[in-house]
C-alpha cells in the first residue's frame, strides 16, 4: 500500500498507464480476506453479538492507524488530501486495529478471544494487496544491483520490497491455514502473526528509502510500538482464564 503520498518512482510501475492495478487489488484483497473468513467460520459456533463490535473496532482503529502516520509525515509539505485519501501504512493499521480491539473489549467486558478466525484472512488479504503495490510501483525499495531488482519505469533497478512482503504474507497464510494451527489457543495465531510481521517489516525497512527519525525510520518506530503493545497485551491476558473461542 502507498505509505507516503509521493512514494512512487518517476515511471508508471509494471502496468500499462491508466490500468487501476492498485485499486483493483485492494478490492481483491478485501474480497479474499472476507471470503476466507466466511469459509473458515461457516461451520463454527457463532458468538452472541461479540464478534461484530470487535471487527468494527479493528476496522476503525486500523483505518485511523493506517492514515494518521502518513498525514503527520506529510504535514511538512502542508496538508494534503492525496496523503489522506491515498496514503496508508500497513504497520500503522495493525497497531491501530490492535488498540481499537483492546479498548472495545475492555469497554464492553468481552473476554472471548477471536483472533484465530482473523489471522489467516488478514495474511491472505495483505498478500493480495501487496500484488497491487508491485504492479502499481509504490512501496518500492532502495536501488540494488542484485539480479532480481525491478525497474518500476524510471530506469533504476530497486529492491522489490512489495514482492518480499507478498511472499512473507503468503508463507504466513499457508502456515496459519493449517488445521492444527487454526485450533491453537484463542488469539495466539493473530498475536503471533502480528509479532512476526512487525519483526519482518522492521528488518525490511533497511531496504526502503524512508527518512531516518531518531535513528530509525518512522515505520520502524511504529513496528516497535506494535511489538510492545502485543507483548504487553499477552502479559495482561496470561494470568486470566479467558475462554478460548476456536473456529
C-alpha atoms as a PDB file:
ATOM      1  CA  UNK A   1       0.000   0.000   0.000  1.00  0.00           C
ATOM      2  CA  UNK A   2       1.149   3.541  -0.618  1.00  0.00           C
ATOM      3  CA  UNK A   3       2.841   4.695   2.547  1.00  0.00           C
ATOM      4  CA  UNK A   4       3.534   8.279   1.634  1.00  0.00           C
ATOM      5  CA  UNK A   5       1.702  10.243  -0.983  1.00  0.00           C
ATOM      6  CA  UNK A   6       4.801  10.618  -3.179  1.00  0.00           C
ATOM      7  CA  UNK A   7       6.075   7.071  -2.664  1.00  0.00           C
ATOM      8  CA  UNK A   8       6.375   6.121  -6.344  1.00  0.00           C
ATOM      9  CA  UNK A   9       9.230   6.358  -8.852  1.00  0.00           C
ATOM     10  CA  UNK A  10       9.065   8.685 -11.799  1.00  0.00           C
ATOM     11  CA  UNK A  11       7.844   5.873 -14.068  1.00  0.00           C
ATOM     12  CA  UNK A  12       4.493   4.119 -14.274  1.00  0.00           C
ATOM     13  CA  UNK A  13       5.095   0.849 -12.421  1.00  0.00           C
ATOM     14  CA  UNK A  14       4.679  -2.545 -14.103  1.00  0.00           C
ATOM     15  CA  UNK A  15       1.242  -1.985 -15.652  1.00  0.00           C
ATOM     16  CA  UNK A  16       0.116  -0.085 -18.689  1.00  0.00           C
ATOM     17  CA  UNK A  17      -0.656   3.539 -17.951  1.00  0.00           C
ATOM     18  CA  UNK A  18      -4.200   4.067 -16.740  1.00  0.00           C
ATOM     19  CA  UNK A  19      -4.739   0.496 -15.542  1.00  0.00           C
ATOM     20  CA  UNK A  20      -6.108   0.700 -11.947  1.00  0.00           C
ATOM     21  CA  UNK A  21      -3.956  -2.127 -10.574  1.00  0.00           C
ATOM     22  CA  UNK A  22      -3.737  -0.678  -7.080  1.00  0.00           C
ATOM     23  CA  UNK A  23      -7.473  -0.111  -6.632  1.00  0.00           C
ATOM     24  CA  UNK A  24      -8.322  -3.456  -8.236  1.00  0.00           C
ATOM     25  CA  UNK A  25      -6.029  -5.466  -5.983  1.00  0.00           C
ATOM     26  CA  UNK A  26      -7.150  -3.593  -2.873  1.00  0.00           C
ATOM     27  CA  UNK A  27     -10.717  -4.687  -3.672  1.00  0.00           C
ATOM     28  CA  UNK A  28      -9.498  -8.219  -4.339  1.00  0.00           C
ATOM     29  CA  UNK A  29      -7.616  -8.160  -1.019  1.00  0.00           C
ATOM     30  CA  UNK A  30     -10.786  -7.335   0.916  1.00  0.00           C
ATOM     31  CA  UNK A  31     -12.759  -9.920  -1.063  1.00  0.00           C
ATOM     32  CA  UNK A  32     -10.132 -12.620  -0.450  1.00  0.00           C
ATOM     33  CA  UNK A  33      -9.948 -11.866   3.274  1.00  0.00           C
ATOM     34  CA  UNK A  34     -13.712 -11.765   3.758  1.00  0.00           C
ATOM     35  CA  UNK A  35     -14.200 -14.890   1.621  1.00  0.00           C
ATOM     36  CA  UNK A  36     -11.622 -16.883   3.574  1.00  0.00           C
ATOM     37  CA  UNK A  37     -13.073 -15.670   6.883  1.00  0.00           C
ATOM     38  CA  UNK A  38     -16.518 -16.925   5.810  1.00  0.00           C
ATOM     39  CA  UNK A  39     -15.058 -20.234   4.606  1.00  0.00           C
ATOM     40  CA  UNK A  40     -13.160 -20.840   7.847  1.00  0.00           C
ATOM     41  CA  UNK A  41     -16.129 -19.969  10.078  1.00  0.00           C
ATOM     42  CA  UNK A  42     -19.042 -21.402   8.064  1.00  0.00           C
ATOM     43  CA  UNK A  43     -19.426 -24.350  10.461  1.00  0.00           C
ATOM     44  CA  UNK A  44     -18.202 -22.601  13.606  1.00  0.00           C
ATOM     45  CA  UNK A  45     -20.344 -21.725  16.575  1.00  0.00           C
ATOM     46  CA  UNK A  46     -21.443 -18.123  16.139  1.00  0.00           C
ATOM     47  CA  UNK A  47     -20.696 -15.825  19.123  1.00  0.00           C
ATOM     48  CA  UNK A  48     -23.686 -13.987  20.572  1.00  0.00           C
ATOM     49  CA  UNK A  49     -23.122 -10.454  19.317  1.00  0.00           C
ATOM     50  CA  UNK A  50     -19.488 -10.221  20.411  1.00  0.00           C
ATOM     51  CA  UNK A  51     -17.700 -10.562  17.082  1.00  0.00           C
ATOM     52  CA  UNK A  52     -19.296  -7.551  15.362  1.00  0.00           C
ATOM     53  CA  UNK A  53     -18.028  -4.862  17.785  1.00  0.00           C
ATOM     54  CA  UNK A  54     -14.562  -6.445  17.710  1.00  0.00           C
ATOM     55  CA  UNK A  55     -14.395  -6.446  13.898  1.00  0.00           C
ATOM     56  CA  UNK A  56     -15.836  -2.910  13.775  1.00  0.00           C
ATOM     57  CA  UNK A  57     -13.254  -1.666  16.292  1.00  0.00           C
ATOM     58  CA  UNK A  58     -10.477  -3.340  14.309  1.00  0.00           C
ATOM     59  CA  UNK A  59     -11.630  -1.664  11.079  1.00  0.00           C
ATOM     60  CA  UNK A  60     -11.988   1.825  12.591  1.00  0.00           C
ATOM     61  CA  UNK A  61      -8.790   1.577  14.634  1.00  0.00           C
ATOM     62  CA  UNK A  62      -6.964   0.141  11.635  1.00  0.00           C
ATOM     63  CA  UNK A  63      -8.174   2.965   9.384  1.00  0.00           C
ATOM     64  CA  UNK A  64      -7.016   5.625  11.846  1.00  0.00           C
ATOM     65  CA  UNK A  65      -3.700   3.872  12.430  1.00  0.00           C
ATOM     66  CA  UNK A  66      -3.111   3.465   8.698  1.00  0.00           C
ATOM     67  CA  UNK A  67      -3.849   7.094   7.824  1.00  0.00           C
ATOM     68  CA  UNK A  68      -2.599   9.139  10.793  1.00  0.00           C
ATOM     69  CA  UNK A  69       1.176   8.489  10.440  1.00  0.00           C
ATOM     70  CA  UNK A  70       1.058   9.287   6.709  1.00  0.00           C
ATOM     71  CA  UNK A  71      -0.825  12.540   7.257  1.00  0.00           C
ATOM     72  CA  UNK A  72       1.605  13.581  10.017  1.00  0.00           C
ATOM     73  CA  UNK A  73       4.638  12.727   7.864  1.00  0.00           C
ATOM     74  CA  UNK A  74       3.291  14.859   5.020  1.00  0.00           C
ATOM     75  CA  UNK A  75       2.422  17.888   7.171  1.00  0.00           C
ATOM     76  CA  UNK A  76       5.894  19.329   6.498  1.00  0.00           C
ATOM     77  CA  UNK A  77       4.667  19.773   2.907  1.00  0.00           C
ATOM     78  CA  UNK A  78       1.335  21.176   4.113  1.00  0.00           C
ATOM     79  CA  UNK A  79      -1.963  19.327   4.462  1.00  0.00           C
ATOM     80  CA  UNK A  80      -2.599  17.045   1.510  1.00  0.00           C
ATOM     81  CA  UNK A  81      -5.878  15.388   0.601  1.00  0.00           C
ATOM     82  CA  UNK A  82      -3.843  12.999  -1.553  1.00  0.00           C
ATOM     83  CA  UNK A  83      -1.911  11.873   1.528  1.00  0.00           C
ATOM     84  CA  UNK A  84      -5.158  11.446   3.473  1.00  0.00           C
ATOM     85  CA  UNK A  85      -7.022   9.534   0.774  1.00  0.00           C
ATOM     86  CA  UNK A  86      -4.265   7.551  -0.960  1.00  0.00           C
ATOM     87  CA  UNK A  87      -1.505   7.200   1.610  1.00  0.00           C
ATOM     88  CA  UNK A  88      -1.591   4.467   4.228  1.00  0.00           C
ATOM     89  CA  UNK A  89       0.699   2.174   6.189  1.00  0.00           C
ATOM     90  CA  UNK A  90       0.007  -1.473   6.957  1.00  0.00           C
ATOM     91  CA  UNK A  91       2.124  -1.369  10.124  1.00  0.00           C
ATOM     92  CA  UNK A  92       0.192   1.615  11.461  1.00  0.00           C
ATOM     93  CA  UNK A  93      -3.090  -0.067  10.548  1.00  0.00           C
ATOM     94  CA  UNK A  94      -2.185  -3.177  12.536  1.00  0.00           C
ATOM     95  CA  UNK A  95      -1.209  -1.082  15.569  1.00  0.00           C
ATOM     96  CA  UNK A  96      -4.404   0.989  15.356  1.00  0.00           C
ATOM     97  CA  UNK A  97      -6.575  -2.092  14.866  1.00  0.00           C
ATOM     98  CA  UNK A  98      -4.989  -3.821  17.865  1.00  0.00           C
ATOM     99  CA  UNK A  99      -5.535  -0.795  20.100  1.00  0.00           C
ATOM    100  CA  UNK A 100      -9.128  -0.465  18.875  1.00  0.00           C
ATOM    101  CA  UNK A 101      -9.901  -4.089  19.737  1.00  0.00           C
ATOM    102  CA  UNK A 102      -8.277  -3.822  23.164  1.00  0.00           C
ATOM    103  CA  UNK A 103     -10.256  -0.684  24.028  1.00  0.00           C
ATOM    104  CA  UNK A 104     -13.601  -2.092  22.864  1.00  0.00           C
ATOM    105  CA  UNK A 105     -13.106  -5.429  24.633  1.00  0.00           C
ATOM    106  CA  UNK A 106     -12.242  -3.623  27.860  1.00  0.00           C
ATOM    107  CA  UNK A 107     -15.175  -1.224  27.490  1.00  0.00           C
ATOM    108  CA  UNK A 108     -17.722  -3.986  26.759  1.00  0.00           C
ATOM    109  CA  UNK A 109     -16.197  -6.575  29.104  1.00  0.00           C
ATOM    110  CA  UNK A 110     -15.616  -9.089  26.292  1.00  0.00           C
ATOM    111  CA  UNK A 111     -13.323 -11.907  27.413  1.00  0.00           C
ATOM    112  CA  UNK A 112     -13.536 -14.293  24.472  1.00  0.00           C
ATOM    113  CA  UNK A 113     -10.617 -14.240  22.038  1.00  0.00           C
ATOM    114  CA  UNK A 114     -11.430 -14.456  18.336  1.00  0.00           C
ATOM    115  CA  UNK A 115      -8.044 -13.748  16.751  1.00  0.00           C
ATOM    116  CA  UNK A 116      -7.636 -17.229  15.262  1.00  0.00           C
ATOM    117  CA  UNK A 117     -10.581 -16.553  12.981  1.00  0.00           C
ATOM    118  CA  UNK A 118      -8.954 -13.430  11.571  1.00  0.00           C
ATOM    119  CA  UNK A 119      -5.266 -14.382  11.293  1.00  0.00           C
ATOM    120  CA  UNK A 120      -5.211 -16.323   8.009  1.00  0.00           C
ATOM    121  CA  UNK A 121      -7.710 -13.994   6.221  1.00  0.00           C
ATOM    122  CA  UNK A 122      -5.627 -10.933   7.184  1.00  0.00           C
ATOM    123  CA  UNK A 123      -2.414 -12.580   5.938  1.00  0.00           C
ATOM    124  CA  UNK A 124      -4.065 -13.533   2.635  1.00  0.00           C
ATOM    125  CA  UNK A 125      -5.559 -10.065   2.177  1.00  0.00           C
ATOM    126  CA  UNK A 126      -2.180  -8.431   2.825  1.00  0.00           C
ATOM    127  CA  UNK A 127      -0.521 -10.696   0.249  1.00  0.00           C
ATOM    128  CA  UNK A 128      -3.090  -9.842  -2.432  1.00  0.00           C
ATOM    129  CA  UNK A 129      -2.823  -6.138  -1.606  1.00  0.00           C
ATOM    130  CA  UNK A 130       0.955  -6.193  -1.999  1.00  0.00           C
ATOM    131  CA  UNK A 131       0.499  -7.527  -5.542  1.00  0.00           C
ATOM    132  CA  UNK A 132      -1.332  -4.291  -6.261  1.00  0.00           C
ATOM    133  CA  UNK A 133       1.601  -2.330  -4.826  1.00  0.00           C
ATOM    134  CA  UNK A 134       4.030  -4.311  -7.005  1.00  0.00           C
ATOM    135  CA  UNK A 135       2.075  -3.675 -10.199  1.00  0.00           C
ATOM    136  CA  UNK A 136       1.398  -0.034  -9.340  1.00  0.00           C
ATOM    137  CA  UNK A 137       5.057   0.661  -8.484  1.00  0.00           C
ATOM    138  CA  UNK A 138       4.581   2.074  -4.975  1.00  0.00           C
ATOM    139  CA  UNK A 139       6.217   0.913  -1.715  1.00  0.00           C
ATOM    140  CA  UNK A 140       9.430   0.079  -3.588  1.00  0.00           C
ATOM    141  CA  UNK A 141      12.879  -0.456  -2.101  1.00  0.00           C
ATOM    142  CA  UNK A 142      16.272   1.175  -2.486  1.00  0.00           C
ATOM    143  CA  UNK A 143      18.311   0.831  -5.685  1.00  0.00           C
ATOM    144  CA  UNK A 144      20.092  -2.510  -5.952  1.00  0.00           C
ATOM    145  CA  UNK A 145      22.493  -4.350  -8.260  1.00  0.00           C
ATOM    146  CA  UNK A 146      21.029  -7.729  -7.310  1.00  0.00           C
ATOM    147  CA  UNK A 147      19.713  -9.753 -10.268  1.00  0.00           C
ATOM    148  CA  UNK A 148      16.116  -9.685  -9.029  1.00  0.00           C
ATOM    149  CA  UNK A 149      15.987  -5.893  -8.806  1.00  0.00           C
ATOM    150  CA  UNK A 150      12.978  -4.446 -10.646  1.00  0.00           C
ATOM    151  CA  UNK A 151      12.786  -1.303 -12.756  1.00  0.00           C
ATOM    152  CA  UNK A 152       9.433   0.310 -11.979  1.00  0.00           C
ATOM    153  CA  UNK A 153       9.592   2.565 -15.001  1.00  0.00           C
ATOM    154  CA  UNK A 154      12.251   5.119 -14.129  1.00  0.00           C
ATOM    155  CA  UNK A 155      15.313   3.173 -15.327  1.00  0.00           C
ATOM    156  CA  UNK A 156      16.537   2.240 -11.816  1.00  0.00           C
ATOM    157  CA  UNK A 157      16.557  -1.355 -10.545  1.00  0.00           C
ATOM    158  CA  UNK A 158      15.192  -1.424  -7.000  1.00  0.00           C
ATOM    159  CA  UNK A 159      14.583  -3.960  -4.263  1.00  0.00           C
ATOM    160  CA  UNK A 160      11.067  -5.346  -4.922  1.00  0.00           C
ATOM    161  CA  UNK A 161      10.078  -4.943  -1.273  1.00  0.00           C
ATOM    162  CA  UNK A 162       6.447  -5.417  -2.277  1.00  0.00           C
ATOM    163  CA  UNK A 163       7.363  -8.896  -3.515  1.00  0.00           C
ATOM    164  CA  UNK A 164       9.337  -9.666  -0.352  1.00  0.00           C
ATOM    165  CA  UNK A 165       6.305  -8.800   1.738  1.00  0.00           C
ATOM    166  CA  UNK A 166       3.936 -10.659  -0.570  1.00  0.00           C
ATOM    167  CA  UNK A 167       5.987 -13.842  -0.167  1.00  0.00           C
ATOM    168  CA  UNK A 168       6.186 -13.374   3.603  1.00  0.00           C
ATOM    169  CA  UNK A 169       2.410 -12.976   3.882  1.00  0.00           C
ATOM    170  CA  UNK A 170       1.743 -15.964   1.607  1.00  0.00           C
ATOM    171  CA  UNK A 171       4.034 -18.135   3.747  1.00  0.00           C
ATOM    172  CA  UNK A 172       2.290 -16.888   6.883  1.00  0.00           C
ATOM    173  CA  UNK A 173      -1.119 -17.606   5.334  1.00  0.00           C
ATOM    174  CA  UNK A 174      -0.076 -21.162   4.427  1.00  0.00           C
ATOM    175  CA  UNK A 175       1.102 -21.808   7.985  1.00  0.00           C
ATOM    176  CA  UNK A 176      -1.891 -20.159   9.662  1.00  0.00           C
ATOM    177  CA  UNK A 177      -4.374 -22.009   7.470  1.00  0.00           C
ATOM    178  CA  UNK A 178      -3.130 -25.442   8.547  1.00  0.00           C
ATOM    179  CA  UNK A 179      -5.925 -27.152  10.544  1.00  0.00           C
ATOM    180  CA  UNK A 180      -3.704 -27.840  13.546  1.00  0.00           C
ATOM    181  CA  UNK A 181      -2.772 -24.161  13.753  1.00  0.00           C
ATOM    182  CA  UNK A 182      -6.369 -22.963  13.442  1.00  0.00           C
ATOM    183  CA  UNK A 183      -7.099 -24.952  16.600  1.00  0.00           C
ATOM    184  CA  UNK A 184      -4.432 -23.128  18.612  1.00  0.00           C
ATOM    185  CA  UNK A 185      -5.462 -21.382  21.873  1.00  0.00           C
ATOM    186  CA  UNK A 186      -7.703 -18.403  21.165  1.00  0.00           C
ATOM    187  CA  UNK A 187      -5.910 -15.320  19.831  1.00  0.00           C
ATOM    188  CA  UNK A 188      -2.427 -16.872  19.706  1.00  0.00           C
ATOM    189  CA  UNK A 189      -2.401 -17.101  15.914  1.00  0.00           C
ATOM    190  CA  UNK A 190      -3.169 -13.432  15.348  1.00  0.00           C
ATOM    191  CA  UNK A 191      -0.731 -12.244  18.005  1.00  0.00           C
ATOM    192  CA  UNK A 192       1.999 -14.489  16.611  1.00  0.00           C
ATOM    193  CA  UNK A 193       1.394 -13.310  13.046  1.00  0.00           C
ATOM    194  CA  UNK A 194       1.431  -9.639  14.030  1.00  0.00           C
ATOM    195  CA  UNK A 195       4.646 -10.082  16.014  1.00  0.00           C
ATOM    196  CA  UNK A 196       6.278 -11.875  13.069  1.00  0.00           C
ATOM    197  CA  UNK A 197       5.087  -9.203  10.640  1.00  0.00           C
ATOM    198  CA  UNK A 198       6.348  -6.326  12.783  1.00  0.00           C
ATOM    199  CA  UNK A 199       9.759  -8.020  13.102  1.00  0.00           C
ATOM    200  CA  UNK A 200       9.874  -8.689   9.346  1.00  0.00           C
ATOM    201  CA  UNK A 201       8.807  -5.159   8.470  1.00  0.00           C
ATOM    202  CA  UNK A 202      11.327  -3.660  10.896  1.00  0.00           C
ATOM    203  CA  UNK A 203      14.116  -5.510   9.069  1.00  0.00           C
ATOM    204  CA  UNK A 204      12.706  -4.770   5.611  1.00  0.00           C
ATOM    205  CA  UNK A 205      12.743  -1.037   6.338  1.00  0.00           C
ATOM    206  CA  UNK A 206      16.531  -1.074   5.955  1.00  0.00           C
ATOM    207  CA  UNK A 207      15.867  -1.780   2.265  1.00  0.00           C
ATOM    208  CA  UNK A 208      13.394   1.074   1.828  1.00  0.00           C
ATOM    209  CA  UNK A 209      14.250   4.710   1.033  1.00  0.00           C
ATOM    210  CA  UNK A 210      12.476   6.220   4.029  1.00  0.00           C
ATOM    211  CA  UNK A 211      13.967   9.111   6.032  1.00  0.00           C
ATOM    212  CA  UNK A 212      15.564   8.389   9.410  1.00  0.00           C
ATOM    213  CA  UNK A 213      13.946   9.828  12.534  1.00  0.00           C
ATOM    214  CA  UNK A 214      15.943   9.477  15.781  1.00  0.00           C
ATOM    215  CA  UNK A 215      17.986   6.595  14.416  1.00  0.00           C
ATOM    216  CA  UNK A 216      15.156   4.632  12.755  1.00  0.00           C
ATOM    217  CA  UNK A 217      12.511   5.188  10.109  1.00  0.00           C
ATOM    218  CA  UNK A 218       9.023   6.197  11.199  1.00  0.00           C
ATOM    219  CA  UNK A 219       7.721   2.777  10.224  1.00  0.00           C
ATOM    220  CA  UNK A 220      10.364   1.047  12.312  1.00  0.00           C
ATOM    221  CA  UNK A 221       9.203   3.063  15.321  1.00  0.00           C
ATOM    222  CA  UNK A 222       5.638   2.001  14.528  1.00  0.00           C
ATOM    223  CA  UNK A 223       6.734  -1.646  14.399  1.00  0.00           C
ATOM    224  CA  UNK A 224       8.486  -1.340  17.764  1.00  0.00           C
ATOM    225  CA  UNK A 225       5.343   0.208  19.233  1.00  0.00           C
ATOM    226  CA  UNK A 226       3.276  -2.665  17.830  1.00  0.00           C
ATOM    227  CA  UNK A 227       5.609  -5.272  19.325  1.00  0.00           C
ATOM    228  CA  UNK A 228       5.496  -3.591  22.752  1.00  0.00           C
ATOM    229  CA  UNK A 229       1.690  -3.352  22.653  1.00  0.00           C
ATOM    230  CA  UNK A 230       1.315  -7.019  21.724  1.00  0.00           C
ATOM    231  CA  UNK A 231       3.797  -8.183  24.365  1.00  0.00           C
ATOM    232  CA  UNK A 232       2.019  -6.055  26.950  1.00  0.00           C
ATOM    233  CA  UNK A 233      -1.345  -7.456  25.857  1.00  0.00           C
ATOM    234  CA  UNK A 234      -0.041 -11.028  26.169  1.00  0.00           C
ATOM    235  CA  UNK A 235       1.294 -10.317  29.654  1.00  0.00           C
ATOM    236  CA  UNK A 236      -2.018  -8.837  30.786  1.00  0.00           C
ATOM    237  CA  UNK A 237      -4.049 -11.763  29.440  1.00  0.00           C
ATOM    238  CA  UNK A 238      -1.732 -14.553  30.629  1.00  0.00           C
ATOM    239  CA  UNK A 239      -2.933 -14.777  34.237  1.00  0.00           C
ATOM    240  CA  UNK A 240      -6.606 -14.745  33.258  1.00  0.00           C
ATOM    241  CA  UNK A 241      -8.671 -17.764  32.329  1.00  0.00           C
ATOM    242  CA  UNK A 242     -10.104 -16.394  29.124  1.00  0.00           C
ATOM    243  CA  UNK A 243     -12.430 -18.742  27.261  1.00  0.00           C
ATOM    244  CA  UNK A 244     -10.931 -19.995  24.012  1.00  0.00           C
ATOM    245  CA  UNK A 245     -13.170 -19.470  21.015  1.00  0.00           C
ATOM    246  CA  UNK A 246     -11.961 -21.677  18.197  1.00  0.00           C
ATOM    247  CA  UNK A 247     -13.059 -21.778  14.599  1.00  0.00           C
END
